[in-house]
Structure formats: structure tokens, C-alpha cells
Amino acid sequence: MTGSGGSGSGSAGHTGGSSGQGQAGNSGQGQAGNSGQGQAGTTGVAGTTGAAGHTSGAAGTTGVAGTTGAAGHTSGAAGTTGVAGTTGTAGTTGTGGSSSGCSPTFQPTTGGLVTTPAVGGGCWRGYAFTFTETPNCGSTITPMNFSTCGTTCALTAMGSVGAATAANSYCAVAGLGFNVNQTGGATTGSPLTPTGTGIMVSFAETGAPAGNFRVQLRDDASGTNYCYNASTSPVQIPYSSFNTKCYDNPPDGVAYAKTAFTSVQILIAGSAAAASYTMSLTNVQEY
């Protein structure tokens, strides 16, 4: 609203005062002498000219200029930005995940729910779990899940991995992981298509035979595993380095081509003899 000042107006100046007028002097008249000429009468003093009238009244005081009204606000105060709405449940195939409520770092928390930021502002989110792929090979793992975790949750598992058999050299496996596209409270997740170049993984492990510790991307929908043999931590793994047969040298399966997946896992594969193990997943970060 634009303000407007009041209009100031001075009162009119006084017009000049009345002209003064002198009073006429009395004409003197001599008294007749007895014989001589009488003494001249005293000439009357000329009347004093009246003080000149004011030629003009004092100038009228100029009216004080009306105060300009305060400028109207040019715009209303900026509206408060609304709180971001809660992201809806992910669709069948997420892209990059949602950033809503995401921790700025890898964070397992209450009930084993993991969040970690993804490239492009997304968020990977889902519950952590453990598994033994083939219990008949004698592998064990503790805990069975992380549902009892508090706000601080360590993703650590231990047990023994069974011996591989002559009939199936890949039957003994134990591992842990977390879903990447699962909302809090949900029992299952959905596939997610990554947007970055690869992942950085930090872990600790003891007991895995050389070459038998792996990082794996799992697609539950197709039952496909893309793995990578890891020997040092942290390890930076380009997506193109994951392969369906990472255990062959060189890997000769299908290379991962950034298709949708449901979880990130670390695992220990058994060998000719059973072995005890401990393993921890401490960071997964897309880059």
C-alpha cells in the first residue's frame, strides 16, 4: 500500500496596517497691540506625521509541509517455506531413492533400519538382515536379524561357515546386508536403479578363506547376484566391476549394467573346511 502525506497550507499573511496621520498644529494668532503690530502668533508645530503604516503584514507562516505517509510495503513478508511433504511409498522401481529423513552418512539405527545418502540427493533406506544361503551345508549366523537394535546399531555377525561339498562347491555361505528401497515398517523392499558410478564399502572380517570375502548387489526379483571379491577395506567398487561370476579368474559371467537391485550385502563363501568368522559392515556410500 503506498502512503500519501498530508498537504500543508500556510495561513495568509496580514495586509499592511492603517496609514498613520499627523495631528494638525493650532494656528497661532497674535494679540493686537495697543498700537504696534501684535506679536506674531506662534506658528503651530506641524503635526507629527504618523508612523508609516505597515506596508505589508508579516509574511504568513508557510504551512508545514504535510508529512509524507510512510511508504506502503512493496511486498508482503515472504511466506514461510512449507515443510517438505513426506515422500510417498516407493514405486515398483525406485530411482536413486528418496532423500526425505536421510542421514548424511551411513547410519544403522532403531530396528536395524539403515539410511545412507545416494548420488543426486537420493537416499538408500532399508532394514539390515543376515543370511546363510544353504543351511544344509552347516553354516550358522548370529544374530538372525537386527530387530532389537537401538538408536546405535552395529551391523556385526558371527558364526561358522560350513565346508563346501564336492557336489556343490558354492553351497556354504554366510552374510549380512541391508535393503536399499524399503520404507520404515515395511516387511519387503522394492528394486532401485542406482544413479552414481559405484559404491565405497568399509568392512571388517576374520575367518574368510583368501578370495572368499565378497561384496554383492542382489536383485530379489530375478534372483541374480552381482559380486566383487574384496580383500581390503575400504574398497571403492565401480558398478561395472560387479559380475555374476566374480569367483572366476578372470570373472566370466555377466557384468552388472546398473540395473535395478534390492540390497547390498557382504558375505563369506565356504571352502574345503568349515571355519569360524566374524564380519561387520561399517559403511556403504554411493559415489
C-alpha atoms as a PDB file:
ATOM      1  CA  MET A   1       0.000   0.000   0.000  1.00  0.00           C
ATOM      2  CA  THR A   2       1.504   3.410  -0.979  1.00  0.00           C
ATOM      3  CA  GLY A   3       1.150   6.126   1.737  1.00  0.00           C
ATOM      4  CA  SER A   4       0.398   9.811   0.952  1.00  0.00           C
ATOM      5  CA  GLY A   5       1.488  12.806   3.021  1.00  0.00           C
ATOM      6  CA  GLY A   6      -0.980  15.447   4.304  1.00  0.00           C
ATOM      7  CA  SER A   7      -0.994  18.683   2.237  1.00  0.00           C
ATOM      8  CA  GLY A   8       0.476  21.572   4.278  1.00  0.00           C
ATOM      9  CA  SER A   9      -1.035  25.111   3.829  1.00  0.00           C
ATOM     10  CA  GLY A  10       0.210  28.362   5.498  1.00  0.00           C
ATOM     11  CA  SER A  11      -2.290  30.950   6.861  1.00  0.00           C
ATOM     12  CA  ALA A  12      -2.491  34.145   4.728  1.00  0.00           C
ATOM     13  CA  GLY A  13      -0.075  36.957   5.675  1.00  0.00           C
ATOM     14  CA  HIS A  14      -1.513  40.139   7.285  1.00  0.00           C
ATOM     15  CA  THR A  15      -2.198  43.050   4.890  1.00  0.00           C
ATOM     16  CA  GLY A  16      -0.370  46.319   5.718  1.00  0.00           C
ATOM     17  CA  GLY A  17      -1.604  48.290   8.815  1.00  0.00           C
ATOM     18  CA  SER A  18      -3.649  51.555   8.580  1.00  0.00           C
ATOM     19  CA  SER A  19      -1.604  54.653   7.399  1.00  0.00           C
ATOM     20  CA  GLY A  20      -0.760  56.987  10.299  1.00  0.00           C
ATOM     21  CA  GLN A  21      -1.957  60.613  10.052  1.00  0.00           C
ATOM     22  CA  GLY A  22      -0.304  63.616  11.844  1.00  0.00           C
ATOM     23  CA  GLN A  23      -2.391  65.850  14.046  1.00  0.00           C
ATOM     24  CA  ALA A  24      -2.659  69.489  12.627  1.00  0.00           C
ATOM     25  CA  GLY A  25      -0.952  72.148  14.713  1.00  0.00           C
ATOM     26  CA  ASN A  26      -3.034  75.090  16.117  1.00  0.00           C
ATOM     27  CA  SER A  27      -2.532  78.295  14.139  1.00  0.00           C
ATOM     28  CA  GLY A  28      -1.173  80.930  16.441  1.00  0.00           C
ATOM     29  CA  GLN A  29      -2.927  84.328  16.456  1.00  0.00           C
ATOM     30  CA  GLY A  30      -1.154  87.429  17.687  1.00  0.00           C
ATOM     31  CA  GLN A  31      -2.805  89.645  20.273  1.00  0.00           C
ATOM     32  CA  ALA A  32      -3.390  93.059  18.890  1.00  0.00           C
ATOM     33  CA  GLY A  33      -1.000  95.555  20.363  1.00  0.00           C
ATOM     34  CA  ASN A  34      -2.269  98.760  21.599  1.00  0.00           C
ATOM     35  CA  SER A  35      -0.723 100.453  18.802  1.00  0.00           C
ATOM     36  CA  GLY A  36       2.020  98.416  17.367  1.00  0.00           C
ATOM     37  CA  GLN A  37       1.755  95.372  15.419  1.00  0.00           C
ATOM     38  CA  GLY A  38       0.867  92.496  17.518  1.00  0.00           C
ATOM     39  CA  GLN A  39       3.290  89.797  18.198  1.00  0.00           C
ATOM     40  CA  ALA A  40       3.049  87.212  15.593  1.00  0.00           C
ATOM     41  CA  GLY A  41       1.262  84.231  16.770  1.00  0.00           C
ATOM     42  CA  THR A  42       3.347  81.243  17.277  1.00  0.00           C
ATOM     43  CA  THR A  43       3.175  79.025  14.343  1.00  0.00           C
ATOM     44  CA  GLY A  44       1.717  75.798  15.400  1.00  0.00           C
ATOM     45  CA  VAL A  45       4.032  72.903  15.457  1.00  0.00           C
ATOM     46  CA  ALA A  46       3.431  70.822  12.495  1.00  0.00           C
ATOM     47  CA  GLY A  47       1.598  67.747  13.367  1.00  0.00           C
ATOM     48  CA  THR A  48       3.802  64.781  13.650  1.00  0.00           C
ATOM     49  CA  THR A  49       3.421  62.574  10.710  1.00  0.00           C
ATOM     50  CA  GLY A  50       2.004  59.379  11.895  1.00  0.00           C
ATOM     51  CA  ALA A  51       4.259  56.406  11.779  1.00  0.00           C
ATOM     52  CA  ALA A  52       4.090  54.857   8.425  1.00  0.00           C
ATOM     53  CA  GLY A  53       1.582  52.101   8.316  1.00  0.00           C
ATOM     54  CA  HIS A  54       2.919  48.640   7.838  1.00  0.00           C
ATOM     55  CA  THR A  55       3.291  48.275   4.134  1.00  0.00           C
ATOM     56  CA  SER A  56       2.529  44.627   4.423  1.00  0.00           C
ATOM     57  CA  GLY A  57       1.625  42.300   7.118  1.00  0.00           C
ATOM     58  CA  ALA A  58       4.139  39.951   8.390  1.00  0.00           C
ATOM     59  CA  ALA A  59       4.544  37.246   5.884  1.00  0.00           C
ATOM     60  CA  GLY A  60       2.183  34.451   6.556  1.00  0.00           C
ATOM     61  CA  THR A  61       3.915  31.490   8.041  1.00  0.00           C
ATOM     62  CA  THR A  62       4.374  28.911   5.355  1.00  0.00           C
ATOM     63  CA  GLY A  63       2.391  25.886   6.281  1.00  0.00           C
ATOM     64  CA  VAL A  64       4.478  23.000   7.457  1.00  0.00           C
ATOM     65  CA  ALA A  65       4.643  20.554   4.662  1.00  0.00           C
ATOM     66  CA  GLY A  66       2.378  17.640   5.279  1.00  0.00           C
ATOM     67  CA  THR A  67       4.341  14.637   6.427  1.00  0.00           C
ATOM     68  CA  THR A  68       4.615  12.119   3.638  1.00  0.00           C
ATOM     69  CA  GLY A  69       2.902   8.968   4.682  1.00  0.00           C
ATOM     70  CA  ALA A  70       5.159   6.049   5.405  1.00  0.00           C
ATOM     71  CA  ALA A  71       5.810   4.171   2.224  1.00  0.00           C
ATOM     72  CA  GLY A  72       3.443   1.262   1.779  1.00  0.00           C
ATOM     73  CA  HIS A  73       5.037  -2.191   1.916  1.00  0.00           C
ATOM     74  CA  THR A  74       6.170  -3.029  -1.574  1.00  0.00           C
ATOM     75  CA  SER A  75       5.553  -6.666  -0.913  1.00  0.00           C
ATOM     76  CA  GLY A  76       4.226  -8.766   1.867  1.00  0.00           C
ATOM     77  CA  ALA A  77       6.641 -10.565   4.091  1.00  0.00           C
ATOM     78  CA  ALA A  78       7.977 -13.626   2.367  1.00  0.00           C
ATOM     79  CA  GLY A  79       5.780 -16.617   3.043  1.00  0.00           C
ATOM     80  CA  THR A  80       7.314 -19.333   5.153  1.00  0.00           C
ATOM     81  CA  THR A  81       8.528 -22.179   3.007  1.00  0.00           C
ATOM     82  CA  GLY A  82       6.348 -25.160   3.658  1.00  0.00           C
ATOM     83  CA  VAL A  83       7.862 -28.191   5.284  1.00  0.00           C
ATOM     84  CA  ALA A  84       8.694 -30.754   2.678  1.00  0.00           C
ATOM     85  CA  GLY A  85       5.961 -33.289   2.345  1.00  0.00           C
ATOM     86  CA  THR A  86       6.650 -36.846   3.319  1.00  0.00           C
ATOM     87  CA  THR A  87       7.794 -38.868   0.372  1.00  0.00           C
ATOM     88  CA  GLY A  88       5.245 -41.418  -0.634  1.00  0.00           C
ATOM     89  CA  THR A  89       5.901 -45.115  -0.722  1.00  0.00           C
ATOM     90  CA  ALA A  90       8.409 -46.006  -3.380  1.00  0.00           C
ATOM     91  CA  GLY A  91       7.062 -47.370  -6.609  1.00  0.00           C
ATOM     92  CA  THR A  92       7.998 -50.722  -8.037  1.00  0.00           C
ATOM     93  CA  THR A  93      11.370 -49.473  -9.199  1.00  0.00           C
ATOM     94  CA  GLY A  94      12.895 -46.550  -7.337  1.00  0.00           C
ATOM     95  CA  THR A  95      15.472 -44.266  -8.909  1.00  0.00           C
ATOM     96  CA  GLY A  96      18.198 -43.211  -6.551  1.00  0.00           C
ATOM     97  CA  GLY A  97      15.948 -43.454  -3.514  1.00  0.00           C
ATOM     98  CA  SER A  98      14.335 -40.628  -1.557  1.00  0.00           C
ATOM     99  CA  SER A  99      16.309 -38.074   0.475  1.00  0.00           C
ATOM    100  CA  SER A 100      13.491 -37.473   2.972  1.00  0.00           C
ATOM    101  CA  GLY A 101      14.772 -38.164   6.502  1.00  0.00           C
ATOM    102  CA  CYS A 102      18.136 -39.462   5.266  1.00  0.00           C
ATOM    103  CA  SER A 103      21.214 -39.425   7.452  1.00  0.00           C
ATOM    104  CA  PRO A 104      24.188 -37.549   5.935  1.00  0.00           C
ATOM    105  CA  THR A 105      26.317 -40.659   6.494  1.00  0.00           C
ATOM    106  CA  PHE A 106      25.792 -44.428   6.624  1.00  0.00           C
ATOM    107  CA  GLN A 107      23.568 -44.879   9.668  1.00  0.00           C
ATOM    108  CA  PRO A 108      22.056 -48.127  11.018  1.00  0.00           C
ATOM    109  CA  THR A 109      19.550 -47.255  13.748  1.00  0.00           C
ATOM    110  CA  THR A 110      16.475 -48.482  15.636  1.00  0.00           C
ATOM    111  CA  GLY A 111      15.270 -51.892  14.492  1.00  0.00           C
ATOM    112  CA  GLY A 112      18.192 -52.196  12.087  1.00  0.00           C
ATOM    113  CA  LEU A 113      16.867 -49.538   9.698  1.00  0.00           C
ATOM    114  CA  VAL A 114      19.772 -48.268   7.573  1.00  0.00           C
ATOM    115  CA  THR A 115      19.937 -44.964   5.705  1.00  0.00           C
ATOM    116  CA  THR A 116      22.792 -43.730   3.545  1.00  0.00           C
ATOM    117  CA  PRO A 117      22.881 -40.849   1.033  1.00  0.00           C
ATOM    118  CA  ALA A 118      22.983 -41.616  -2.684  1.00  0.00           C
ATOM    119  CA  VAL A 119      24.253 -39.598  -5.638  1.00  0.00           C
ATOM    120  CA  GLY A 120      21.931 -36.814  -6.811  1.00  0.00           C
ATOM    121  CA  GLY A 121      20.381 -36.175  -3.391  1.00  0.00           C
ATOM    122  CA  GLY A 122      18.727 -39.571  -3.092  1.00  0.00           C
ATOM    123  CA  CYS A 123      18.747 -41.926  -0.125  1.00  0.00           C
ATOM    124  CA  TRP A 124      19.126 -45.671   0.199  1.00  0.00           C
ATOM    125  CA  ARG A 125      16.954 -46.933   3.013  1.00  0.00           C
ATOM    126  CA  GLY A 126      16.012 -50.370   4.309  1.00  0.00           C
ATOM    127  CA  TYR A 127      16.320 -52.922   7.102  1.00  0.00           C
ATOM    128  CA  ALA A 128      19.507 -54.884   7.736  1.00  0.00           C
ATOM    129  CA  PHE A 129      19.402 -58.692   7.753  1.00  0.00           C
ATOM    130  CA  THR A 130      21.645 -61.764   7.960  1.00  0.00           C
ATOM    131  CA  PHE A 131      21.505 -64.974   5.964  1.00  0.00           C
ATOM    132  CA  THR A 132      23.002 -68.387   5.378  1.00  0.00           C
ATOM    133  CA  GLU A 133      22.227 -69.331   1.827  1.00  0.00           C
ATOM    134  CA  THR A 134      22.242 -73.067   2.284  1.00  0.00           C
ATOM    135  CA  PRO A 135      21.691 -74.211   5.880  1.00  0.00           C
ATOM    136  CA  ASN A 136      22.231 -77.842   4.849  1.00  0.00           C
ATOM    137  CA  CYS A 137      25.940 -77.049   4.444  1.00  0.00           C
ATOM    138  CA  GLY A 138      26.182 -76.381   8.187  1.00  0.00           C
ATOM    139  CA  SER A 139      26.668 -72.599   8.210  1.00  0.00           C
ATOM    140  CA  THR A 140      25.455 -70.630  11.243  1.00  0.00           C
ATOM    141  CA  ILE A 141      24.999 -66.936  11.950  1.00  0.00           C
ATOM    142  CA  THR A 142      24.144 -64.733  14.934  1.00  0.00           C
ATOM    143  CA  PRO A 143      22.073 -62.581  15.156  1.00  0.00           C
ATOM    144  CA  MET A 144      19.314 -63.743  12.858  1.00  0.00           C
ATOM    145  CA  ASN A 145      18.290 -60.110  12.336  1.00  0.00           C
ATOM    146  CA  PHE A 146      18.798 -56.649  13.858  1.00  0.00           C
ATOM    147  CA  SER A 147      15.264 -56.010  15.109  1.00  0.00           C
ATOM    148  CA  THR A 148      16.483 -55.440  18.693  1.00  0.00           C
ATOM    149  CA  CYS A 149      18.873 -52.643  17.679  1.00  0.00           C
ATOM    150  CA  GLY A 150      18.556 -49.296  19.431  1.00  0.00           C
ATOM    151  CA  THR A 151      19.386 -45.878  18.039  1.00  0.00           C
ATOM    152  CA  THR A 152      23.008 -47.003  17.756  1.00  0.00           C
ATOM    153  CA  CYS A 153      23.208 -50.261  15.821  1.00  0.00           C
ATOM    154  CA  ALA A 154      26.352 -52.198  14.886  1.00  0.00           C
ATOM    155  CA  LEU A 155      25.933 -54.436  11.836  1.00  0.00           C
ATOM    156  CA  THR A 156      28.098 -57.290  13.077  1.00  0.00           C
ATOM    157  CA  ALA A 157      27.519 -61.038  12.684  1.00  0.00           C
ATOM    158  CA  MET A 158      29.417 -64.126  13.682  1.00  0.00           C
ATOM    159  CA  GLY A 159      29.192 -67.880  13.410  1.00  0.00           C
ATOM    160  CA  SER A 160      30.728 -70.597  11.304  1.00  0.00           C
ATOM    161  CA  VAL A 161      30.640 -71.160   7.596  1.00  0.00           C
ATOM    162  CA  GLY A 162      30.274 -74.773   6.538  1.00  0.00           C
ATOM    163  CA  ALA A 163      32.523 -76.694   4.200  1.00  0.00           C
ATOM    164  CA  ALA A 164      31.683 -76.731   0.539  1.00  0.00           C
ATOM    165  CA  THR A 165      30.781 -80.137  -0.807  1.00  0.00           C
ATOM    166  CA  ALA A 166      32.154 -81.953  -3.796  1.00  0.00           C
ATOM    167  CA  ALA A 167      28.722 -81.844  -5.365  1.00  0.00           C
ATOM    168  CA  ASN A 168      28.253 -78.126  -4.726  1.00  0.00           C
ATOM    169  CA  SER A 169      31.346 -76.054  -4.134  1.00  0.00           C
ATOM    170  CA  TYR A 170      29.211 -72.924  -3.597  1.00  0.00           C
ATOM    171  CA  CYS A 171      26.741 -74.211  -1.048  1.00  0.00           C
ATOM    172  CA  ALA A 172      28.309 -72.739   2.115  1.00  0.00           C
ATOM    173  CA  VAL A 173      27.665 -69.036   2.512  1.00  0.00           C
ATOM    174  CA  ALA A 174      27.022 -66.651   5.413  1.00  0.00           C
ATOM    175  CA  GLY A 175      26.450 -62.943   5.115  1.00  0.00           C
ATOM    176  CA  LEU A 176      24.674 -59.769   6.095  1.00  0.00           C
ATOM    177  CA  GLY A 177      23.236 -56.850   4.160  1.00  0.00           C
ATOM    178  CA  PHE A 178      20.517 -54.200   4.004  1.00  0.00           C
ATOM    179  CA  ASN A 179      17.703 -53.345   1.618  1.00  0.00           C
ATOM    180  CA  VAL A 180      18.098 -50.139  -0.376  1.00  0.00           C
ATOM    181  CA  ASN A 181      14.474 -49.238  -1.141  1.00  0.00           C
ATOM    182  CA  GLN A 182      12.326 -50.148   1.859  1.00  0.00           C
ATOM    183  CA  THR A 183      10.256 -47.743   3.924  1.00  0.00           C
ATOM    184  CA  GLY A 184      10.274 -47.888   7.712  1.00  0.00           C
ATOM    185  CA  GLY A 185       7.834 -50.512   8.985  1.00  0.00           C
ATOM    186  CA  ALA A 186       7.559 -52.333   5.659  1.00  0.00           C
ATOM    187  CA  THR A 187       8.399 -56.042   5.538  1.00  0.00           C
ATOM    188  CA  THR A 188       9.717 -56.042   1.973  1.00  0.00           C
ATOM    189  CA  GLY A 189      11.582 -53.633  -0.264  1.00  0.00           C
ATOM    190  CA  SER A 190      11.464 -52.698  -3.926  1.00  0.00           C
ATOM    191  CA  PRO A 191      14.148 -52.674  -6.632  1.00  0.00           C
ATOM    192  CA  LEU A 192      16.127 -49.483  -7.025  1.00  0.00           C
ATOM    193  CA  THR A 193      18.095 -48.251 -10.031  1.00  0.00           C
ATOM    194  CA  PRO A 194      21.356 -46.552  -8.955  1.00  0.00           C
ATOM    195  CA  THR A 195      22.406 -43.171 -10.341  1.00  0.00           C
ATOM    196  CA  GLY A 196      26.089 -42.980  -9.395  1.00  0.00           C
ATOM    197  CA  THR A 197      29.316 -44.563 -10.662  1.00  0.00           C
ATOM    198  CA  GLY A 198      29.858 -47.158  -7.936  1.00  0.00           C
ATOM    199  CA  ILE A 199      29.965 -47.728  -4.174  1.00  0.00           C
ATOM    200  CA  MET A 200      32.547 -47.305  -1.428  1.00  0.00           C
ATOM    201  CA  VAL A 201      32.355 -50.102   1.164  1.00  0.00           C
ATOM    202  CA  SER A 202      34.035 -50.390   4.570  1.00  0.00           C
ATOM    203  CA  PHE A 203      34.028 -53.674   6.464  1.00  0.00           C
ATOM    204  CA  ALA A 204      35.889 -55.845   8.932  1.00  0.00           C
ATOM    205  CA  GLU A 205      36.164 -59.629   8.764  1.00  0.00           C
ATOM    206  CA  THR A 206      38.070 -62.572  10.178  1.00  0.00           C
ATOM    207  CA  GLY A 207      37.945 -66.221   9.171  1.00  0.00           C
ATOM    208  CA  ALA A 208      37.214 -65.882   5.465  1.00  0.00           C
ATOM    209  CA  PRO A 209      39.463 -68.009   3.251  1.00  0.00           C
ATOM    210  CA  ALA A 210      41.554 -65.943   0.816  1.00  0.00           C
ATOM    211  CA  GLY A 211      39.450 -64.754  -2.074  1.00  0.00           C
ATOM    212  CA  ASN A 212      36.183 -65.792  -0.399  1.00  0.00           C
ATOM    213  CA  PHE A 213      35.040 -62.462   1.026  1.00  0.00           C
ATOM    214  CA  ARG A 214      32.680 -60.625  -1.295  1.00  0.00           C
ATOM    215  CA  VAL A 215      30.593 -57.505  -1.710  1.00  0.00           C
ATOM    216  CA  GLN A 216      27.383 -58.243  -3.544  1.00  0.00           C
ATOM    217  CA  LEU A 217      24.417 -56.495  -5.187  1.00  0.00           C
ATOM    218  CA  ARG A 218      21.329 -58.680  -5.012  1.00  0.00           C
ATOM    219  CA  ASP A 219      18.193 -58.454  -7.170  1.00  0.00           C
ATOM    220  CA  ASP A 220      15.474 -60.446  -5.386  1.00  0.00           C
ATOM    221  CA  ALA A 221      13.060 -60.109  -8.314  1.00  0.00           C
ATOM    222  CA  SER A 222      15.273 -62.111 -10.670  1.00  0.00           C
ATOM    223  CA  GLY A 223      17.354 -63.961  -8.074  1.00  0.00           C
ATOM    224  CA  THR A 224      20.536 -62.519  -9.606  1.00  0.00           C
ATOM    225  CA  ASN A 225      23.678 -61.777  -7.589  1.00  0.00           C
ATOM    226  CA  TYR A 226      26.420 -59.475  -8.851  1.00  0.00           C
ATOM    227  CA  CYS A 227      29.543 -59.881  -6.708  1.00  0.00           C
ATOM    228  CA  TYR A 228      33.025 -58.448  -6.264  1.00  0.00           C
ATOM    229  CA  ASN A 229      35.934 -60.115  -4.416  1.00  0.00           C
ATOM    230  CA  ALA A 230      37.229 -57.723  -1.753  1.00  0.00           C
ATOM    231  CA  SER A 231      40.407 -58.105   0.257  1.00  0.00           C
ATOM    232  CA  THR A 232      40.995 -54.633   1.719  1.00  0.00           C
ATOM    233  CA  SER A 233      38.772 -52.072   3.420  1.00  0.00           C
ATOM    234  CA  PRO A 234      37.634 -49.539   2.471  1.00  0.00           C
ATOM    235  CA  VAL A 235      37.197 -50.564  -1.143  1.00  0.00           C
ATOM    236  CA  GLN A 236      35.889 -48.441  -3.998  1.00  0.00           C
ATOM    237  CA  ILE A 237      33.997 -50.572  -6.497  1.00  0.00           C
ATOM    238  CA  PRO A 238      32.797 -49.255  -9.869  1.00  0.00           C
ATOM    239  CA  TYR A 239      29.417 -50.705 -10.776  1.00  0.00           C
ATOM    240  CA  SER A 240      30.966 -52.144 -13.932  1.00  0.00           C
ATOM    241  CA  SER A 241      33.287 -54.303 -11.781  1.00  0.00           C
ATOM    242  CA  PHE A 242      30.426 -56.383 -10.326  1.00  0.00           C
ATOM    243  CA  ASN A 243      29.918 -59.684 -12.119  1.00  0.00           C
ATOM    244  CA  THR A 244      27.694 -62.733 -11.745  1.00  0.00           C
ATOM    245  CA  LYS A 245      30.856 -64.899 -11.535  1.00  0.00           C
ATOM    246  CA  CYS A 246      33.317 -62.794  -9.572  1.00  0.00           C
ATOM    247  CA  TYR A 247      34.802 -66.007  -8.120  1.00  0.00           C
ATOM    248  CA  ASP A 248      36.244 -67.000 -11.510  1.00  0.00           C
ATOM    249  CA  ASN A 249      39.588 -65.548 -12.519  1.00  0.00           C
ATOM    250  CA  PRO A 250      39.028 -63.526 -14.545  1.00  0.00           C
ATOM    251  CA  PRO A 251      35.302 -63.014 -13.854  1.00  0.00           C
ATOM    252  CA  ASP A 252      33.492 -64.521 -16.831  1.00  0.00           C
ATOM    253  CA  GLY A 253      29.832 -64.030 -16.008  1.00  0.00           C
ATOM    254  CA  VAL A 254      27.517 -61.123 -16.800  1.00  0.00           C
ATOM    255  CA  ALA A 255      28.831 -57.698 -15.861  1.00  0.00           C
ATOM    256  CA  TYR A 256      26.496 -55.504 -13.871  1.00  0.00           C
ATOM    257  CA  ALA A 257      24.987 -52.746 -16.044  1.00  0.00           C
ATOM    258  CA  LYS A 258      23.275 -50.591 -13.411  1.00  0.00           C
ATOM    259  CA  THR A 259      20.017 -52.490 -13.490  1.00  0.00           C
ATOM    260  CA  ALA A 260      17.664 -52.328 -10.509  1.00  0.00           C
ATOM    261  CA  PHE A 261      18.713 -54.213  -7.355  1.00  0.00           C
ATOM    262  CA  THR A 262      17.195 -54.682  -3.899  1.00  0.00           C
ATOM    263  CA  SER A 263      20.076 -55.000  -1.413  1.00  0.00           C
ATOM    264  CA  VAL A 264      23.790 -54.547  -0.729  1.00  0.00           C
ATOM    265  CA  GLN A 265      25.497 -57.484   1.006  1.00  0.00           C
ATOM    266  CA  ILE A 266      28.838 -58.688   2.325  1.00  0.00           C
ATOM    267  CA  LEU A 267      29.395 -62.428   2.583  1.00  0.00           C
ATOM    268  CA  ILE A 268      31.857 -65.196   3.257  1.00  0.00           C
ATOM    269  CA  ALA A 269      31.865 -68.214   0.980  1.00  0.00           C
ATOM    270  CA  GLY A 270      32.920 -71.550   2.395  1.00  0.00           C
ATOM    271  CA  SER A 271      35.851 -73.643   1.267  1.00  0.00           C
ATOM    272  CA  ALA A 272      37.006 -77.206   1.793  1.00  0.00           C
ATOM    273  CA  ALA A 273      36.896 -76.867   5.583  1.00  0.00           C
ATOM    274  CA  ALA A 274      34.442 -75.218   7.939  1.00  0.00           C
ATOM    275  CA  ALA A 275      35.665 -72.002   9.545  1.00  0.00           C
ATOM    276  CA  SER A 276      34.546 -69.600  12.252  1.00  0.00           C
ATOM    277  CA  TYR A 277      34.122 -65.984  11.255  1.00  0.00           C
ATOM    278  CA  THR A 278      33.179 -62.506  12.399  1.00  0.00           C
ATOM    279  CA  MET A 279      32.219 -59.752   9.974  1.00  0.00           C
ATOM    280  CA  SER A 280      30.970 -56.189  10.233  1.00  0.00           C
ATOM    281  CA  LEU A 281      29.580 -53.754   7.668  1.00  0.00           C
ATOM    282  CA  THR A 282      30.521 -50.204   8.718  1.00  0.00           C
ATOM    283  CA  ASN A 283      29.884 -48.089   5.623  1.00  0.00           C
ATOM    284  CA  VAL A 284      28.293 -48.128   2.199  1.00  0.00           C
ATOM    285  CA  GLN A 285      28.360 -44.896   0.221  1.00  0.00           C
ATOM    286  CA  GLU A 286      27.452 -44.372  -3.421  1.00  0.00           C
ATOM    287  CA  TYR A 287      29.790 -42.133  -5.400  1.00  0.00           C
END
